[in-house]
Amino acid sequence: MIHRKTSYGTQTDHGSNVYETLQSVIQTLRQQHHDVRAWLRDALTAAYHHQPLRSRTPRAGRSRGCGRRTR
């Protein structure tokens, strides 16, 4: 909410939808302890090259919560 006030919001419904979706993706990435900037870089690179975005699911042998290895 604060960001929308300081950035003057969006000008169209489409812009509002894009902003809401991007914020949702960012929050999900943070909750799953992913690097948001790396994901954005990978997403933009994949889109530029017309390729699918690679999966960011946790790797085998790693716990989901805190990033520590499971035994």
Protein backbone atom coordinates (compact mmCIF):
# COMPACT_ATOMS: atom_id res chain seq x y z
CA MET A 1 0.00 0.00 0.00
CA ILE A 2 2.73 2.48 0.92
CA HIS A 3 4.61 1.78 -2.31
CA ARG A 4 1.50 2.45 -4.38
CA LYS A 5 1.04 5.81 -2.64
CA THR A 6 4.64 6.88 -3.20
CA SER A 7 4.79 5.65 -6.81
CA TYR A 8 1.41 7.19 -7.79
CA GLY A 9 -0.11 3.76 -8.44
CA THR A 10 -0.90 2.44 -11.88
CA GLN A 11 -2.74 4.11 -14.71
CA THR A 12 -4.81 1.19 -16.04
CA ASP A 13 -6.58 -1.95 -14.86
CA HIS A 14 -4.01 -3.99 -16.77
CA GLY A 15 -1.20 -2.19 -14.95
CA SER A 16 -2.90 -2.88 -11.61
CA ASN A 17 -3.18 -6.58 -12.46
CA VAL A 18 0.47 -6.78 -13.49
CA TYR A 19 1.55 -5.03 -10.27
CA GLU A 20 -0.60 -7.31 -8.09
CA THR A 21 0.72 -10.43 -9.81
CA LEU A 22 4.33 -9.33 -9.52
CA GLN A 23 3.93 -8.51 -5.82
CA SER A 24 2.37 -11.94 -5.23
CA VAL A 25 5.23 -13.68 -7.03
CA ILE A 26 7.83 -11.69 -5.06
CA GLN A 27 6.20 -12.51 -1.73
CA THR A 28 5.98 -16.21 -2.61
CA LEU A 29 9.66 -16.29 -3.65
CA ARG A 30 10.65 -14.62 -0.37
CA GLN A 31 8.56 -17.04 1.69
CA GLN A 32 10.28 -19.94 -0.07
CA HIS A 33 13.72 -18.33 0.52
CA HIS A 34 14.51 -17.83 -3.18
CA ASP A 35 16.62 -15.00 -4.55
CA VAL A 36 14.08 -12.55 -6.03
CA ARG A 37 16.59 -10.73 -8.22
CA ALA A 38 17.92 -13.99 -9.65
CA TRP A 39 14.36 -15.11 -10.43
CA LEU A 40 13.56 -11.79 -12.15
CA ARG A 41 16.78 -12.03 -14.16
CA ASP A 42 16.02 -15.62 -15.16
CA ALA A 43 12.37 -14.79 -16.02
CA LEU A 44 13.31 -11.83 -18.21
CA THR A 45 16.10 -13.78 -19.92
CA ALA A 46 13.78 -16.72 -20.63
CA ALA A 47 11.09 -14.39 -22.01
CA TYR A 48 13.62 -12.60 -24.23
CA HIS A 49 14.78 -15.92 -25.68
CA HIS A 50 11.21 -17.29 -25.94
CA GLN A 51 12.05 -20.18 -23.62
CA PRO A 52 10.24 -21.55 -20.56
CA LEU A 53 11.39 -20.44 -17.13
CA ARG A 54 13.24 -23.20 -15.29
CA SER A 55 11.66 -24.59 -12.15
CA ARG A 56 12.66 -23.26 -8.73
CA THR A 57 11.49 -26.22 -6.67
CA PRO A 58 13.67 -27.24 -3.70
CA ARG A 59 16.48 -29.63 -4.59
CA ALA A 60 16.56 -33.15 -3.22
CA GLY A 61 18.40 -33.35 0.10
CA ARG A 62 17.37 -29.89 1.26
CA SER A 63 14.65 -29.06 3.69
CA ARG A 64 11.98 -26.61 2.62
CA GLY A 65 11.81 -24.41 5.69
CA CYS A 66 15.19 -23.01 6.61
CA GLY A 67 17.55 -24.14 3.86
CA ARG A 68 19.45 -26.62 6.09
CA ARG A 69 20.26 -30.03 4.73
CA THR A 70 18.20 -32.97 5.95
CA ARG A 71 19.89 -36.08 7.31
